[in-house]
Amino acid sequence: MDVPLDVLLFLSAPVRLSGRLFVSLQYIIDRDGSVQHWYRNDYAQDRFGAHYRWRPWLFFDVEELESLEKLINRGSDQDLLKWRESRLNIFGLVAVVVSSRVMKKQAKP
């Protein structure tokens, strides 16, 4: 069991859940089978053990963790650097949006 990873995933779950409220109907209808795939996810069971289903915060991250692990183990250095650069660009954009909102709130009297 990866306690630090579990703690981080647990703490960030509310943010990811609130971001997915807009697409919650898709999870309810489940046309793509993502919820059913969760109950028989071999990667999650191998990585997090038999009780992975009782960690609902993993539901949002398992596919990304699996693809990242494959990228690290099987991808080239160039692919990994491209992935890193794309993540840095995404986080940079988020930082710009958040800072502009903070500045806008501080400017109001």
PDB file of N, CA and C in Angstrom:
ATOM      1  N   MET A   1       0.846  -1.183   0.000  1.00  0.00           N
ATOM      2  CA  MET A   1       0.000   0.000   0.000  1.00  0.00           C
ATOM      3  C   MET A   1       0.887   1.241   0.000  1.00  0.00           C
ATOM      4  N   ASP A   2       0.578   2.159  -0.877  1.00  0.00           N
ATOM      5  CA  ASP A   2       1.333   3.399  -0.996  1.00  0.00           C
ATOM      6  C   ASP A   2       0.637   4.494  -0.208  1.00  0.00           C
ATOM      7  N   VAL A   3       1.007   4.658   1.042  1.00  0.00           N
ATOM      8  CA  VAL A   3       0.338   5.607   1.921  1.00  0.00           C
ATOM      9  C   VAL A   3       0.473   7.052   1.429  1.00  0.00           C
ATOM     10  N   PRO A   4       1.670   7.522   1.042  1.00  0.00           N
ATOM     11  CA  PRO A   4       1.751   8.918   0.568  1.00  0.00           C
ATOM     12  C   PRO A   4       0.888   9.163  -0.664  1.00  0.00           C
ATOM     13  N   LEU A   5       0.884   8.210  -1.586  1.00  0.00           N
ATOM     14  CA  LEU A   5       0.053   8.361  -2.779  1.00  0.00           C
ATOM     15  C   LEU A   5      -1.419   8.367  -2.406  1.00  0.00           C
ATOM     16  N   ASP A   6      -1.833   7.482  -1.493  1.00  0.00           N
ATOM     17  CA  ASP A   6      -3.233   7.454  -1.052  1.00  0.00           C
ATOM     18  C   ASP A   6      -3.643   8.766  -0.406  1.00  0.00           C
ATOM     19  N   VAL A   7      -2.768   9.317   0.412  1.00  0.00           N
ATOM     20  CA  VAL A   7      -3.087  10.577   1.095  1.00  0.00           C
ATOM     21  C   VAL A   7      -3.271  11.699   0.070  1.00  0.00           C
ATOM     22  N   LEU A   8      -2.358  11.792  -0.879  1.00  0.00           N
ATOM     23  CA  LEU A   8      -2.472  12.846  -1.897  1.00  0.00           C
ATOM     24  C   LEU A   8      -3.703  12.667  -2.764  1.00  0.00           C
ATOM     25  N   LEU A   9      -3.991  11.443  -3.159  1.00  0.00           N
ATOM     26  CA  LEU A   9      -5.172  11.194  -3.982  1.00  0.00           C
ATOM     27  C   LEU A   9      -6.447  11.474  -3.192  1.00  0.00           C
ATOM     28  N   PHE A  10      -6.460  11.118  -1.908  1.00  0.00           N
ATOM     29  CA  PHE A  10      -7.623  11.376  -1.075  1.00  0.00           C
ATOM     30  C   PHE A  10      -7.857  12.875  -0.897  1.00  0.00           C
ATOM     31  N   LEU A  11      -6.782  13.628  -0.671  1.00  0.00           N
ATOM     32  CA  LEU A  11      -6.923  15.068  -0.461  1.00  0.00           C
ATOM     33  C   LEU A  11      -7.359  15.805  -1.721  1.00  0.00           C
ATOM     34  N   SER A  12      -6.947  15.315  -2.868  1.00  0.00           N
ATOM     35  CA  SER A  12      -7.310  16.002  -4.108  1.00  0.00           C
ATOM     36  C   SER A  12      -8.622  15.497  -4.703  1.00  0.00           C
ATOM     37  N   ALA A  13      -9.214  14.474  -4.122  1.00  0.00           N
ATOM     38  CA  ALA A  13     -10.461  13.914  -4.662  1.00  0.00           C
ATOM     39  C   ALA A  13     -11.614  14.921  -4.681  1.00  0.00           C
ATOM     40  N   PRO A  14     -11.827  15.750  -3.642  1.00  0.00           N
ATOM     41  CA  PRO A  14     -12.952  16.697  -3.708  1.00  0.00           C
ATOM     42  C   PRO A  14     -12.854  17.681  -4.871  1.00  0.00           C
ATOM     43  N   VAL A  15     -11.656  18.105  -5.186  1.00  0.00           N
ATOM     44  CA  VAL A  15     -11.481  19.035  -6.299  1.00  0.00           C
ATOM     45  C   VAL A  15     -11.834  18.356  -7.609  1.00  0.00           C
ATOM     46  N   ARG A  16     -11.332  17.146  -7.785  1.00  0.00           N
ATOM     47  CA  ARG A  16     -11.630  16.425  -9.019  1.00  0.00           C
ATOM     48  C   ARG A  16     -13.108  16.062  -9.096  1.00  0.00           C
ATOM     49  N   LEU A  17     -13.708  15.732  -7.959  1.00  0.00           N
ATOM     50  CA  LEU A  17     -15.126  15.398  -7.943  1.00  0.00           C
ATOM     51  C   LEU A  17     -15.974  16.611  -8.298  1.00  0.00           C
ATOM     52  N   SER A  18     -15.642  17.767  -7.750  1.00  0.00           N
ATOM     53  CA  SER A  18     -16.417  18.970  -8.074  1.00  0.00           C
ATOM     54  C   SER A  18     -16.259  19.343  -9.541  1.00  0.00           C
ATOM     55  N   GLY A  19     -15.110  19.079 -10.115  1.00  0.00           N
ATOM     56  CA  GLY A  19     -14.909  19.335 -11.537  1.00  0.00           C
ATOM     57  C   GLY A  19     -15.709  18.393 -12.408  1.00  0.00           C
ATOM     58  N   ARG A  20     -16.044  17.236 -11.865  1.00  0.00           N
ATOM     59  CA  ARG A  20     -16.790  16.259 -12.637  1.00  0.00           C
ATOM     60  C   ARG A  20     -18.297  16.318 -12.393  1.00  0.00           C
ATOM     61  N   LEU A  21     -18.752  17.206 -11.535  1.00  0.00           N
ATOM     62  CA  LEU A  21     -20.186  17.329 -11.310  1.00  0.00           C
ATOM     63  C   LEU A  21     -20.934  17.703 -12.584  1.00  0.00           C
ATOM     64  N   PHE A  22     -20.253  18.453 -13.444  1.00  0.00           N
ATOM     65  CA  PHE A  22     -20.883  18.862 -14.692  1.00  0.00           C
ATOM     66  C   PHE A  22     -21.101  17.685 -15.636  1.00  0.00           C
ATOM     67  N   VAL A  23     -20.288  16.679 -15.495  1.00  0.00           N
ATOM     68  CA  VAL A  23     -20.446  15.507 -16.356  1.00  0.00           C
ATOM     69  C   VAL A  23     -20.974  14.302 -15.576  1.00  0.00           C
ATOM     70  N   SER A  24     -21.587  14.555 -14.429  1.00  0.00           N
ATOM     71  CA  SER A  24     -22.079  13.463 -13.593  1.00  0.00           C
ATOM     72  C   SER A  24     -23.151  12.639 -14.292  1.00  0.00           C
ATOM     73  N   LEU A  25     -23.923  13.271 -15.154  1.00  0.00           N
ATOM     74  CA  LEU A  25     -24.934  12.526 -15.887  1.00  0.00           C
ATOM     75  C   LEU A  25     -24.296  11.437 -16.741  1.00  0.00           C
ATOM     76  N   GLN A  26     -23.125  11.718 -17.287  1.00  0.00           N
ATOM     77  CA  GLN A  26     -22.415  10.720 -18.083  1.00  0.00           C
ATOM     78  C   GLN A  26     -22.046   9.517 -17.216  1.00  0.00           C
ATOM     79  N   TYR A  27     -21.647   9.754 -15.960  1.00  0.00           N
ATOM     80  CA  TYR A  27     -21.327   8.640 -15.074  1.00  0.00           C
ATOM     81  C   TYR A  27     -22.582   7.855 -14.706  1.00  0.00           C
ATOM     82  N   ILE A  28     -23.709   8.554 -14.577  1.00  0.00           N
ATOM     83  CA  ILE A  28     -24.957   7.874 -14.233  1.00  0.00           C
ATOM     84  C   ILE A  28     -25.422   7.000 -15.393  1.00  0.00           C
ATOM     85  N   ILE A  29     -25.405   7.558 -16.596  1.00  0.00           N
ATOM     86  CA  ILE A  29     -25.820   6.801 -17.776  1.00  0.00           C
ATOM     87  C   ILE A  29     -24.784   5.727 -18.105  1.00  0.00           C
ATOM     88  N   ASP A  30     -23.519   6.075 -18.003  1.00  0.00           N
ATOM     89  CA  ASP A  30     -22.389   5.169 -18.184  1.00  0.00           C
ATOM     90  C   ASP A  30     -22.423   4.458 -19.531  1.00  0.00           C
ATOM     91  N   ARG A  31     -22.542   5.236 -20.593  1.00  0.00           N
ATOM     92  CA  ARG A  31     -22.553   4.641 -21.928  1.00  0.00           C
ATOM     93  C   ARG A  31     -21.210   4.045 -22.312  1.00  0.00           C
ATOM     94  N   ASP A  32     -20.130   4.654 -21.833  1.00  0.00           N
ATOM     95  CA  ASP A  32     -18.812   4.149 -22.219  1.00  0.00           C
ATOM     96  C   ASP A  32     -18.317   3.023 -21.324  1.00  0.00           C
ATOM     97  N   GLY A  33     -19.065   2.682 -20.291  1.00  0.00           N
ATOM     98  CA  GLY A  33     -18.704   1.556 -19.425  1.00  0.00           C
ATOM     99  C   GLY A  33     -17.584   1.839 -18.455  1.00  0.00           C
ATOM    100  N   SER A  34     -17.301   3.111 -18.160  1.00  0.00           N
ATOM    101  CA  SER A  34     -16.180   3.431 -17.279  1.00  0.00           C
ATOM    102  C   SER A  34     -16.413   2.958 -15.851  1.00  0.00           C
ATOM    103  N   VAL A  35     -17.657   3.025 -15.381  1.00  0.00           N
ATOM    104  CA  VAL A  35     -17.937   2.576 -14.018  1.00  0.00           C
ATOM    105  C   VAL A  35     -17.836   1.058 -13.941  1.00  0.00           C
ATOM    106  N   GLN A  36     -18.351   0.362 -14.947  1.00  0.00           N
ATOM    107  CA  GLN A  36     -18.248  -1.097 -14.933  1.00  0.00           C
ATOM    108  C   GLN A  36     -16.798  -1.535 -15.078  1.00  0.00           C
ATOM    109  N   HIS A  37     -16.021  -0.776 -15.861  1.00  0.00           N
ATOM    110  CA  HIS A  37     -14.606  -1.096 -16.009  1.00  0.00           C
ATOM    111  C   HIS A  37     -13.884  -0.982 -14.667  1.00  0.00           C
ATOM    112  N   TRP A  38     -14.349  -0.101 -13.806  1.00  0.00           N
ATOM    113  CA  TRP A  38     -13.735   0.100 -12.501  1.00  0.00           C
ATOM    114  C   TRP A  38     -13.793  -1.170 -11.658  1.00  0.00           C
ATOM    115  N   TYR A  39     -14.864  -1.934 -11.776  1.00  0.00           N
ATOM    116  CA  TYR A  39     -15.021  -3.112 -10.926  1.00  0.00           C
ATOM    117  C   TYR A  39     -14.155  -4.284 -11.365  1.00  0.00           C
ATOM    118  N   ARG A  40     -13.622  -4.253 -12.553  1.00  0.00           N
ATOM    119  CA  ARG A  40     -12.726  -5.319 -12.987  1.00  0.00           C
ATOM    120  C   ARG A  40     -11.459  -4.735 -13.622  1.00  0.00           C
ATOM    121  N   ASN A  41     -10.884  -3.797 -12.931  1.00  0.00           N
ATOM    122  CA  ASN A  41      -9.683  -3.121 -13.415  1.00  0.00           C
ATOM    123  C   ASN A  41      -8.452  -3.875 -12.923  1.00  0.00           C
ATOM    124  N   ASP A  42      -7.789  -4.573 -13.841  1.00  0.00           N
ATOM    125  CA  ASP A  42      -6.630  -5.392 -13.472  1.00  0.00           C
ATOM    126  C   ASP A  42      -5.471  -4.547 -12.955  1.00  0.00           C
ATOM    127  N   TYR A  43      -5.243  -3.398 -13.597  1.00  0.00           N
ATOM    128  CA  TYR A  43      -4.134  -2.552 -13.165  1.00  0.00           C
ATOM    129  C   TYR A  43      -4.345  -2.080 -11.723  1.00  0.00           C
ATOM    130  N   ALA A  44      -5.542  -1.611 -11.410  1.00  0.00           N
ATOM    131  CA  ALA A  44      -5.817  -1.119 -10.054  1.00  0.00           C
ATOM    132  C   ALA A  44      -5.667  -2.226  -9.032  1.00  0.00           C
ATOM    133  N   GLN A  45      -6.116  -3.418  -9.386  1.00  0.00           N
ATOM    134  CA  GLN A  45      -5.995  -4.523  -8.440  1.00  0.00           C
ATOM    135  C   GLN A  45      -4.534  -4.913  -8.233  1.00  0.00           C
ATOM    136  N   ASP A  46      -3.753  -4.941  -9.309  1.00  0.00           N
ATOM    137  CA  ASP A  46      -2.337  -5.273  -9.173  1.00  0.00           C
ATOM    138  C   ASP A  46      -1.564  -4.194  -8.421  1.00  0.00           C
ATOM    139  N   ARG A  47      -1.888  -2.941  -8.683  1.00  0.00           N
ATOM    140  CA  ARG A  47      -1.126  -1.823  -8.115  1.00  0.00           C
ATOM    141  C   ARG A  47      -1.532  -1.496  -6.686  1.00  0.00           C
ATOM    142  N   PHE A  48      -2.848  -1.542  -6.403  1.00  0.00           N
ATOM    143  CA  PHE A  48      -3.346  -1.070  -5.111  1.00  0.00           C
ATOM    144  C   PHE A  48      -3.948  -2.174  -4.247  1.00  0.00           C
ATOM    145  N   GLY A  49      -3.985  -3.399  -4.737  1.00  0.00           N
ATOM    146  CA  GLY A  49      -4.485  -4.518  -3.942  1.00  0.00           C
ATOM    147  C   GLY A  49      -5.955  -4.797  -4.178  1.00  0.00           C
ATOM    148  N   ALA A  50      -6.436  -5.825  -3.505  1.00  0.00           N
ATOM    149  CA  ALA A  50      -7.798  -6.311  -3.731  1.00  0.00           C
ATOM    150  C   ALA A  50      -8.873  -5.324  -3.266  1.00  0.00           C
ATOM    151  N   HIS A  51      -8.526  -4.436  -2.362  1.00  0.00           N
ATOM    152  CA  HIS A  51      -9.528  -3.509  -1.815  1.00  0.00           C
ATOM    153  C   HIS A  51      -9.496  -2.150  -2.504  1.00  0.00           C
ATOM    154  N   TYR A  52      -9.040  -2.095  -3.734  1.00  0.00           N
ATOM    155  CA  TYR A  52      -8.969  -0.817  -4.448  1.00  0.00           C
ATOM    156  C   TYR A  52     -10.347  -0.208  -4.664  1.00  0.00           C
ATOM    157  N   ARG A  53     -11.391  -1.009  -4.711  1.00  0.00           N
ATOM    158  CA  ARG A  53     -12.752  -0.488  -4.945  1.00  0.00           C
ATOM    159  C   ARG A  53     -13.233   0.394  -3.796  1.00  0.00           C
ATOM    160  N   TRP A  54     -12.663   0.201  -2.620  1.00  0.00           N
ATOM    161  CA  TRP A  54     -13.063   0.986  -1.461  1.00  0.00           C
ATOM    162  C   TRP A  54     -12.277   2.286  -1.351  1.00  0.00           C
ATOM    163  N   ARG A  55     -11.529   2.601  -2.399  1.00  0.00           N
ATOM    164  CA  ARG A  55     -10.825   3.886  -2.497  1.00  0.00           C
ATOM    165  C   ARG A  55     -11.409   4.637  -3.695  1.00  0.00           C
ATOM    166  N   PRO A  56     -12.573   5.249  -3.517  1.00  0.00           N
ATOM    167  CA  PRO A  56     -13.246   5.867  -4.670  1.00  0.00           C
ATOM    168  C   PRO A  56     -12.462   6.999  -5.311  1.00  0.00           C
ATOM    169  N   TRP A  57     -11.526   7.597  -4.590  1.00  0.00           N
ATOM    170  CA  TRP A  57     -10.727   8.670  -5.185  1.00  0.00           C
ATOM    171  C   TRP A  57      -9.805   8.136  -6.270  1.00  0.00           C
ATOM    172  N   LEU A  58      -9.528   6.845  -6.276  1.00  0.00           N
ATOM    173  CA  LEU A  58      -8.717   6.260  -7.337  1.00  0.00           C
ATOM    174  C   LEU A  58      -9.470   6.161  -8.663  1.00  0.00           C
ATOM    175  N   PHE A  59     -10.789   6.188  -8.593  1.00  0.00           N
ATOM    176  CA  PHE A  59     -11.614   6.043  -9.801  1.00  0.00           C
ATOM    177  C   PHE A  59     -11.208   7.033 -10.878  1.00  0.00           C
ATOM    178  N   PHE A  60     -10.878   8.242 -10.474  1.00  0.00           N
ATOM    179  CA  PHE A  60     -10.546   9.294 -11.427  1.00  0.00           C
ATOM    180  C   PHE A  60      -9.111   9.203 -11.940  1.00  0.00           C
ATOM    181  N   ASP A  61      -8.244   8.519 -11.214  1.00  0.00           N
ATOM    182  CA  ASP A  61      -6.810   8.576 -11.517  1.00  0.00           C
ATOM    183  C   ASP A  61      -6.211   7.309 -12.092  1.00  0.00           C
ATOM    184  N   VAL A  62      -6.905   6.200 -12.018  1.00  0.00           N
ATOM    185  CA  VAL A  62      -6.288   4.926 -12.373  1.00  0.00           C
ATOM    186  C   VAL A  62      -5.819   4.894 -13.822  1.00  0.00           C
ATOM    187  N   GLU A  63      -6.622   5.378 -14.746  1.00  0.00           N
ATOM    188  CA  GLU A  63      -6.216   5.355 -16.149  1.00  0.00           C
ATOM    189  C   GLU A  63      -4.982   6.224 -16.388  1.00  0.00           C
ATOM    190  N   GLU A  64      -4.960   7.399 -15.764  1.00  0.00           N
ATOM    191  CA  GLU A  64      -3.807   8.282 -15.935  1.00  0.00           C
ATOM    192  C   GLU A  64      -2.559   7.699 -15.284  1.00  0.00           C
ATOM    193  N   LEU A  65      -2.715   7.092 -14.115  1.00  0.00           N
ATOM    194  CA  LEU A  65      -1.564   6.463 -13.456  1.00  0.00           C
ATOM    195  C   LEU A  65      -1.034   5.290 -14.278  1.00  0.00           C
ATOM    196  N   GLU A  66      -1.956   4.522 -14.866  1.00  0.00           N
ATOM    197  CA  GLU A  66      -1.527   3.394 -15.683  1.00  0.00           C
ATOM    198  C   GLU A  66      -0.779   3.873 -16.929  1.00  0.00           C
ATOM    199  N   SER A  67      -1.308   4.895 -17.591  1.00  0.00           N
ATOM    200  CA  SER A  67      -0.629   5.395 -18.786  1.00  0.00           C
ATOM    201  C   SER A  67       0.717   6.030 -18.437  1.00  0.00           C
ATOM    202  N   LEU A  68       0.792   6.717 -17.298  1.00  0.00           N
ATOM    203  CA  LEU A  68       2.069   7.305 -16.880  1.00  0.00           C
ATOM    204  C   LEU A  68       3.090   6.227 -16.546  1.00  0.00           C
ATOM    205  N   GLU A  69       2.653   5.173 -15.884  1.00  0.00           N
ATOM    206  CA  GLU A  69       3.573   4.086 -15.564  1.00  0.00           C
ATOM    207  C   GLU A  69       4.072   3.401 -16.838  1.00  0.00           C
ATOM    208  N   LYS A  70       3.188   3.225 -17.814  1.00  0.00           N
ATOM    209  CA  LYS A  70       3.618   2.650 -19.095  1.00  0.00           C
ATOM    210  C   LYS A  70       4.599   3.585 -19.795  1.00  0.00           C
ATOM    211  N   LEU A  71       4.328   4.872 -19.735  1.00  0.00           N
ATOM    212  CA  LEU A  71       5.219   5.840 -20.361  1.00  0.00           C
ATOM    213  C   LEU A  71       6.604   5.811 -19.721  1.00  0.00           C
ATOM    214  N   ILE A  72       6.656   5.727 -18.414  1.00  0.00           N
ATOM    215  CA  ILE A  72       7.934   5.688 -17.707  1.00  0.00           C
ATOM    216  C   ILE A  72       8.694   4.398 -18.016  1.00  0.00           C
ATOM    217  N   ASN A  73       7.968   3.283 -18.016  1.00  0.00           N
ATOM    218  CA  ASN A  73       8.635   1.991 -18.203  1.00  0.00           C
ATOM    219  C   ASN A  73       8.967   1.676 -19.658  1.00  0.00           C
ATOM    220  N   ARG A  74       8.104   2.078 -20.584  1.00  0.00           N
ATOM    221  CA  ARG A  74       8.273   1.650 -21.975  1.00  0.00           C
ATOM    222  C   ARG A  74       8.529   2.791 -22.954  1.00  0.00           C
ATOM    223  N   GLY A  75       8.257   4.009 -22.556  1.00  0.00           N
ATOM    224  CA  GLY A  75       8.399   5.133 -23.467  1.00  0.00           C
ATOM    225  C   GLY A  75       9.835   5.609 -23.586  1.00  0.00           C
ATOM    226  N   SER A  76      10.051   6.401 -24.590  1.00  0.00           N
ATOM    227  CA  SER A  76      11.393   6.968 -24.770  1.00  0.00           C
ATOM    228  C   SER A  76      11.550   8.205 -23.884  1.00  0.00           C
ATOM    229  N   ASP A  77      12.769   8.654 -23.776  1.00  0.00           N
ATOM    230  CA  ASP A  77      13.035   9.864 -22.996  1.00  0.00           C
ATOM    231  C   ASP A  77      12.334  11.071 -23.613  1.00  0.00           C
ATOM    232  N   GLN A  78      12.295  11.112 -24.919  1.00  0.00           N
ATOM    233  CA  GLN A  78      11.625  12.216 -25.619  1.00  0.00           C
ATOM    234  C   GLN A  78      10.132  12.242 -25.288  1.00  0.00           C
ATOM    235  N   ASP A  79       9.496  11.065 -25.267  1.00  0.00           N
ATOM    236  CA  ASP A  79       8.072  11.000 -24.932  1.00  0.00           C
ATOM    237  C   ASP A  79       7.824  11.494 -23.507  1.00  0.00           C
ATOM    238  N   LEU A  80       8.711  11.095 -22.614  1.00  0.00           N
ATOM    239  CA  LEU A  80       8.572  11.520 -21.218  1.00  0.00           C
ATOM    240  C   LEU A  80       8.786  13.027 -21.076  1.00  0.00           C
ATOM    241  N   LEU A  81       9.735  13.567 -21.792  1.00  0.00           N
ATOM    242  CA  LEU A  81       9.962  15.013 -21.756  1.00  0.00           C
ATOM    243  C   LEU A  81       8.786  15.783 -22.360  1.00  0.00           C
ATOM    244  N   LYS A  82       8.179  15.243 -23.413  1.00  0.00           N
ATOM    245  CA  LYS A  82       6.993  15.881 -23.996  1.00  0.00           C
ATOM    246  C   LYS A  82       5.836  15.874 -23.007  1.00  0.00           C
ATOM    247  N   TRP A  83       5.662  14.748 -22.307  1.00  0.00           N
ATOM    248  CA  TRP A  83       4.590  14.662 -21.308  1.00  0.00           C
ATOM    249  C   TRP A  83       4.833  15.675 -20.189  1.00  0.00           C
ATOM    250  N   ARG A  84       6.080  15.769 -19.723  1.00  0.00           N
ATOM    251  CA  ARG A  84       6.436  16.720 -18.667  1.00  0.00           C
ATOM    252  C   ARG A  84       6.161  18.153 -19.114  1.00  0.00           C
ATOM    253  N   GLU A  85       6.561  18.457 -20.334  1.00  0.00           N
ATOM    254  CA  GLU A  85       6.355  19.806 -20.862  1.00  0.00           C
ATOM    255  C   GLU A  85       4.870  20.144 -20.977  1.00  0.00           C
ATOM    256  N   SER A  86       4.071  19.179 -21.405  1.00  0.00           N
ATOM    257  CA  SER A  86       2.623  19.429 -21.509  1.00  0.00           C
ATOM    258  C   SER A  86       2.015  19.670 -20.135  1.00  0.00           C
ATOM    259  N   ARG A  87       2.468  18.925 -19.131  1.00  0.00           N
ATOM    260  CA  ARG A  87       1.966  19.135 -17.760  1.00  0.00           C
ATOM    261  C   ARG A  87       2.377  20.501 -17.227  1.00  0.00           C
ATOM    262  N   LEU A  88       3.592  20.897 -17.477  1.00  0.00           N
ATOM    263  CA  LEU A  88       4.043  22.218 -17.037  1.00  0.00           C
ATOM    264  C   LEU A  88       3.230  23.325 -17.703  1.00  0.00           C
ATOM    265  N   ASN A  89       2.908  23.156 -18.983  1.00  0.00           N
ATOM    266  CA  ASN A  89       2.087  24.143 -19.686  1.00  0.00           C
ATOM    267  C   ASN A  89       0.677  24.211 -19.103  1.00  0.00           C
ATOM    268  N   ILE A  90       0.118  23.053 -18.782  1.00  0.00           N
ATOM    269  CA  ILE A  90      -1.228  23.022 -18.190  1.00  0.00           C
ATOM    270  C   ILE A  90      -1.230  23.721 -16.839  1.00  0.00           C
ATOM    271  N   PHE A  91      -0.261  23.388 -15.982  1.00  0.00           N
ATOM    272  CA  PHE A  91      -0.212  24.006 -14.666  1.00  0.00           C
ATOM    273  C   PHE A  91       0.100  25.496 -14.764  1.00  0.00           C
ATOM    274  N   GLY A  92       0.876  25.889 -15.753  1.00  0.00           N
ATOM    275  CA  GLY A  92       1.140  27.311 -15.969  1.00  0.00           C
ATOM    276  C   GLY A  92      -0.127  28.056 -16.337  1.00  0.00           C
ATOM    277  N   LEU A  93      -0.953  27.447 -17.165  1.00  0.00           N
ATOM    278  CA  LEU A  93      -2.216  28.060 -17.548  1.00  0.00           C
ATOM    279  C   LEU A  93      -3.151  28.175 -16.351  1.00  0.00           C
ATOM    280  N   VAL A  94      -3.194  27.143 -15.535  1.00  0.00           N
ATOM    281  CA  VAL A  94      -4.030  27.184 -14.333  1.00  0.00           C
ATOM    282  C   VAL A  94      -3.550  28.286 -13.400  1.00  0.00           C
ATOM    283  N   ALA A  95      -2.246  28.423 -13.244  1.00  0.00           N
ATOM    284  CA  ALA A  95      -1.701  29.465 -12.373  1.00  0.00           C
ATOM    285  C   ALA A  95      -2.059  30.858 -12.884  1.00  0.00           C
ATOM    286  N   VAL A  96      -2.044  31.053 -14.195  1.00  0.00           N
ATOM    287  CA  VAL A  96      -2.395  32.355 -14.765  1.00  0.00           C
ATOM    288  C   VAL A  96      -3.862  32.675 -14.505  1.00  0.00           C
ATOM    289  N   VAL A  97      -4.730  31.700 -14.704  1.00  0.00           N
ATOM    290  CA  VAL A  97      -6.166  31.921 -14.490  1.00  0.00           C
ATOM    291  C   VAL A  97      -6.452  32.221 -13.031  1.00  0.00           C
ATOM    292  N   VAL A  98      -5.858  31.462 -12.128  1.00  0.00           N
ATOM    293  CA  VAL A  98      -6.089  31.681 -10.697  1.00  0.00           C
ATOM    294  C   VAL A  98      -5.543  33.031 -10.267  1.00  0.00           C
ATOM    295  N   SER A  99      -4.357  33.380 -10.714  1.00  0.00           N
ATOM    296  CA  SER A  99      -3.784  34.663 -10.295  1.00  0.00           C
ATOM    297  C   SER A  99      -4.586  35.832 -10.856  1.00  0.00           C
ATOM    298  N   SER A 100      -5.134  35.692 -12.055  1.00  0.00           N
ATOM    299  CA  SER A 100      -5.957  36.787 -12.590  1.00  0.00           C
ATOM    300  C   SER A 100      -7.239  36.950 -11.783  1.00  0.00           C
ATOM    301  N   ARG A 101      -7.798  35.848 -11.312  1.00  0.00           N
ATOM    302  CA  ARG A 101      -9.007  35.959 -10.473  1.00  0.00           C
ATOM    303  C   ARG A 101      -8.689  36.576  -9.119  1.00  0.00           C
ATOM    304  N   VAL A 102      -7.552  36.215  -8.555  1.00  0.00           N
ATOM    305  CA  VAL A 102      -7.155  36.780  -7.268  1.00  0.00           C
ATOM    306  C   VAL A 102      -6.912  38.277  -7.413  1.00  0.00           C
ATOM    307  N   MET A 103      -6.249  38.656  -8.480  1.00  0.00           N
ATOM    308  CA  MET A 103      -5.985  40.071  -8.713  1.00  0.00           C
ATOM    309  C   MET A 103      -7.286  40.836  -8.924  1.00  0.00           C
ATOM    310  N   LYS A 104      -8.238  40.228  -9.607  1.00  0.00           N
ATOM    311  CA  LYS A 104      -9.523  40.879  -9.858  1.00  0.00           C
ATOM    312  C   LYS A 104     -10.280  41.091  -8.542  1.00  0.00           C
ATOM    313  N   LYS A 105     -10.227  40.113  -7.644  1.00  0.00           N
ATOM    314  CA  LYS A 105     -10.912  40.224  -6.346  1.00  0.00           C
ATOM    315  C   LYS A 105     -10.234  41.282  -5.481  1.00  0.00           C
ATOM    316  N   GLN A 106      -8.917  41.386  -5.553  1.00  0.00           N
ATOM    317  CA  GLN A 106      -8.201  42.360  -4.746  1.00  0.00           C
ATOM    318  C   GLN A 106      -8.420  43.773  -5.274  1.00  0.00           C
ATOM    319  N   ALA A 107      -8.707  43.919  -6.553  1.00  0.00           N
ATOM    320  CA  ALA A 107      -8.900  45.237  -7.134  1.00  0.00           C
ATOM    321  C   ALA A 107     -10.246  45.846  -6.754  1.00  0.00           C
ATOM    322  N   LYS A 108     -11.215  44.982  -6.403  1.00  0.00           N
ATOM    323  CA  LYS A 108     -12.544  45.498  -6.018  1.00  0.00           C
ATOM    324  C   LYS A 108     -12.463  46.103  -4.633  1.00  0.00           C
ATOM    325  N   PRO A 109     -13.093  47.283  -4.476  1.00  0.00           N
ATOM    326  CA  PRO A 109     -13.061  47.931  -3.144  1.00  0.00           C
ATOM    327  C   PRO A 109     -14.012  47.289  -2.175  1.00  0.00           C
TER     328      PRO A 109
END
